[in-house]
Amino acid sequence: MQSVHLQIFGLSYGGVAGLGTGSDLSGEHTGAHPEQLSVRDGNLTNDSLSFAVVAEERRDCREQEYKDKFGNCIPCRQCDAGQELSKECGFGYGEDAQCVPCRASRFKEDRSLQKCKPCLDCSLLNRFQKGNCSTTSNAVCGDCLLGFYRKTKLSGFQDMECIPCGDPPPPYEPHCS
């Protein structure tokens, strides 16, 4: 059962509505002409005015859906490589979001819902830059700059960042001799 309160053209009806026939609709009517308001075949009527009480199911949109003008949840638009949505989309918002190119120093490699990511700055890692960043690909870093080396971890992997050789330089690093 669902509690309802209707007010139409100055007439007011409060009560309980459920699924089924008019016998499921109960409550009190208050208004100028109470004798003209009645329940027939599950519909609340008033002379020539006729309407049905319909319970509306409220459905919230998910993380990657927006609500269209009809209230339907629609998947957010996917943008091609090198593009992202002009505004956030999801949880019912973003109906008018458009695909726009990634801003300067940002990239996105594939068609997806993801935002453009910041490009790698090889100079911050003390490394040469082998490949430039574009809207569709990240920068590619090369070897360490002169006077820097990549530290090898116990696991055998090397850090992305090159560290200064120091004084005296580590004897096992050819970049530092």
Protein backbone atom coordinates (compact mmCIF):
# COMPACT_ATOMS: atom_id res chain seq x y z
CA MET A 1 0.00 0.00 0.00
CA GLN A 2 1.11 3.52 -0.74
CA SER A 3 -0.02 6.73 0.96
CA VAL A 4 -1.21 9.40 -1.49
CA HIS A 5 -2.43 12.95 -1.32
CA LEU A 6 -4.02 14.45 -4.43
CA GLN A 7 -5.10 18.01 -4.99
CA ILE A 8 -6.77 18.85 -8.29
CA PHE A 9 -8.63 22.08 -9.03
CA GLY A 10 -9.11 22.84 -5.34
CA LEU A 11 -10.32 19.33 -4.44
CA SER A 12 -8.15 17.42 -2.04
CA TYR A 13 -8.01 13.68 -1.39
CA GLY A 14 -5.74 11.92 1.09
CA GLY A 15 -5.59 8.20 1.64
CA VAL A 16 -3.95 4.92 0.78
CA ALA A 17 -3.58 3.51 -2.72
CA GLY A 18 -2.64 -0.02 -3.60
CA LEU A 19 -2.60 -2.28 -6.59
CA GLY A 20 -6.02 -3.67 -7.41
CA THR A 21 -9.58 -2.39 -7.59
CA GLY A 22 -11.31 0.69 -6.25
CA SER A 23 -11.92 -1.10 -2.98
CA ASP A 24 -8.18 -0.77 -2.34
CA LEU A 25 -8.45 3.03 -2.40
CA SER A 26 -9.60 4.40 0.92
CA GLY A 27 -9.40 7.70 2.72
CA GLU A 28 -11.18 10.98 3.20
CA HIS A 29 -12.16 13.60 0.65
CA THR A 30 -12.22 17.27 1.51
CA GLY A 31 -13.43 19.88 -0.91
CA ALA A 32 -16.30 21.96 -2.16
CA HIS A 33 -18.34 19.04 -3.54
CA PRO A 34 -17.54 15.80 -1.70
CA GLU A 35 -20.57 14.01 -3.16
CA GLN A 36 -19.14 14.39 -6.70
CA LEU A 37 -15.88 12.56 -5.97
CA SER A 38 -16.10 8.76 -6.15
CA VAL A 39 -14.11 5.62 -6.84
CA ARG A 40 -15.15 3.57 -9.87
CA ASP A 41 -13.15 0.59 -11.20
CA GLY A 42 -9.97 1.71 -9.44
CA ASN A 43 -10.23 5.27 -10.77
CA LEU A 44 -10.93 8.34 -8.69
CA THR A 45 -13.52 10.42 -10.56
CA ASN A 46 -15.23 13.78 -10.22
CA ASP A 47 -18.11 14.29 -12.74
CA SER A 48 -16.43 14.78 -16.12
CA LEU A 49 -12.93 14.85 -14.59
CA SER A 50 -11.42 11.36 -14.58
CA PHE A 51 -7.92 10.22 -13.69
CA ALA A 52 -6.11 7.17 -12.35
CA VAL A 53 -3.70 7.02 -9.43
CA VAL A 54 -0.45 5.60 -10.75
CA ALA A 55 2.53 4.80 -8.56
CA GLU A 56 5.71 5.93 -10.30
CA GLU A 57 8.81 3.82 -9.80
CA ARG A 58 11.82 6.06 -9.18
CA ARG A 59 14.98 4.61 -10.67
CA ASP A 60 18.31 6.31 -10.07
CA CYS A 61 20.93 6.14 -12.79
CA ARG A 62 24.18 4.25 -12.23
CA GLU A 63 27.75 5.55 -12.19
CA GLN A 64 28.14 5.82 -15.98
CA GLU A 65 24.58 6.79 -16.97
CA TYR A 66 22.75 10.08 -17.45
CA LYS A 67 19.01 10.76 -17.45
CA ASP A 68 17.51 11.83 -20.81
CA LYS A 69 14.57 14.25 -21.18
CA PHE A 70 12.13 11.34 -20.76
CA GLY A 71 13.72 10.23 -17.47
CA ASN A 72 15.41 7.14 -18.95
CA CYS A 73 18.93 6.21 -17.87
CA ILE A 74 21.26 6.22 -20.89
CA PRO A 75 24.94 5.10 -20.94
CA CYS A 76 27.39 8.01 -21.00
CA ARG A 77 29.06 8.71 -24.34
CA GLN A 78 32.45 7.09 -24.98
CA CYS A 79 35.06 9.36 -26.54
CA ASP A 80 37.74 8.33 -29.05
CA ALA A 81 41.46 8.32 -28.27
CA GLY A 82 42.66 11.89 -27.73
CA GLN A 83 39.24 13.06 -26.50
CA GLU A 84 37.31 13.29 -23.23
CA LEU A 85 33.84 14.46 -22.19
CA SER A 86 33.38 18.21 -21.78
CA LYS A 87 31.82 17.67 -18.33
CA GLU A 88 31.24 14.93 -15.79
CA CYS A 89 28.74 12.24 -16.77
CA GLY A 90 27.06 9.71 -14.48
CA PHE A 91 24.52 9.19 -11.71
CA GLY A 92 21.86 10.93 -13.84
CA TYR A 93 23.93 13.94 -14.92
CA GLY A 94 25.83 14.83 -18.11
CA GLU A 95 23.11 14.63 -20.78
CA ASP A 96 24.68 17.45 -22.81
CA ALA A 97 28.34 16.34 -22.39
CA GLN A 98 30.26 16.36 -25.68
CA CYS A 99 33.59 14.82 -26.71
CA VAL A 100 36.37 17.45 -26.82
CA PRO A 101 40.13 17.12 -27.53
CA CYS A 102 42.49 16.51 -24.60
CA ARG A 103 44.03 19.72 -23.24
CA ALA A 104 47.74 20.46 -23.65
CA SER A 105 50.09 17.99 -21.91
CA ARG A 106 47.30 15.41 -21.51
CA PHE A 107 46.53 12.20 -23.46
CA LYS A 108 44.12 9.27 -23.81
CA GLU A 109 45.16 6.19 -25.78
CA ASP A 110 41.85 4.44 -26.47
CA ARG A 111 38.09 4.84 -26.93
CA SER A 112 36.58 4.83 -23.44
CA LEU A 113 34.74 6.75 -20.74
CA GLN A 114 38.05 7.70 -19.10
CA LYS A 115 39.35 11.25 -18.79
CA CYS A 116 42.60 12.37 -20.41
CA LYS A 117 45.64 11.73 -18.17
CA PRO A 118 48.63 14.03 -17.57
CA CYS A 119 51.65 13.33 -19.78
CA LEU A 120 54.81 11.96 -18.24
CA ASP A 121 57.45 14.67 -17.69
CA CYS A 122 60.79 12.93 -18.28
CA SER A 123 62.77 15.89 -16.89
CA LEU A 124 61.13 15.36 -13.48
CA LEU A 125 62.48 11.79 -13.58
CA ASN A 126 65.96 13.05 -14.59
CA ARG A 127 65.74 11.18 -17.91
CA PHE A 128 66.05 12.03 -21.61
CA GLN A 129 62.80 12.22 -23.56
CA LYS A 130 62.74 9.74 -26.49
CA GLY A 131 59.15 10.39 -27.63
CA ASN A 132 56.86 13.39 -27.30
CA CYS A 133 53.45 13.35 -25.68
CA SER A 134 50.47 13.79 -28.00
CA THR A 135 46.73 13.75 -27.35
CA THR A 136 46.74 9.99 -28.08
CA SER A 137 50.04 8.81 -26.54
CA ASN A 138 52.17 9.44 -23.49
CA ALA A 139 55.75 10.73 -23.61
CA VAL A 140 58.46 8.05 -23.76
CA CYS A 141 61.47 8.48 -21.50
CA GLY A 142 64.95 7.26 -22.41
CA ASP A 143 68.15 6.81 -20.43
CA CYS A 144 69.16 8.79 -17.37
CA LEU A 145 70.60 12.27 -17.83
CA LEU A 146 74.37 12.62 -17.40
CA GLY A 147 75.27 12.43 -13.72
CA PHE A 148 72.23 10.28 -12.83
CA TYR A 149 71.55 6.51 -12.64
CA ARG A 150 68.62 4.14 -12.16
CA LYS A 151 68.72 2.32 -8.87
CA THR A 152 68.16 -1.44 -9.14
CA LYS A 153 65.90 -2.88 -6.44
CA LEU A 154 66.47 -6.21 -4.71
CA SER A 155 63.68 -7.66 -6.88
CA GLY A 156 65.76 -6.87 -9.98
CA PHE A 157 63.44 -4.09 -11.20
CA GLN A 158 64.70 -0.56 -11.71
CA ASP A 159 63.05 2.65 -10.52
CA MET A 160 61.57 5.01 -13.13
CA GLU A 161 63.33 7.96 -11.51
CA CYS A 162 67.05 8.45 -12.00
CA ILE A 163 68.96 9.58 -8.91
CA PRO A 164 72.13 11.71 -8.72
CA CYS A 165 75.42 9.80 -8.80
CA GLY A 166 76.79 11.63 -5.75
CA ASP A 167 80.37 12.11 -4.61
CA PRO A 168 81.96 9.62 -4.64
CA PRO A 169 79.87 7.93 -7.38
CA PRO A 170 78.69 4.33 -6.90
CA PRO A 171 81.38 2.06 -8.42
CA TYR A 172 78.86 -0.32 -10.03
CA GLU A 173 77.10 2.33 -12.19
CA PRO A 174 78.68 3.01 -15.61
CA HIS A 175 76.64 6.25 -15.98
CA CYS A 176 78.45 7.67 -12.96
CA SER A 177 82.09 7.03 -13.92
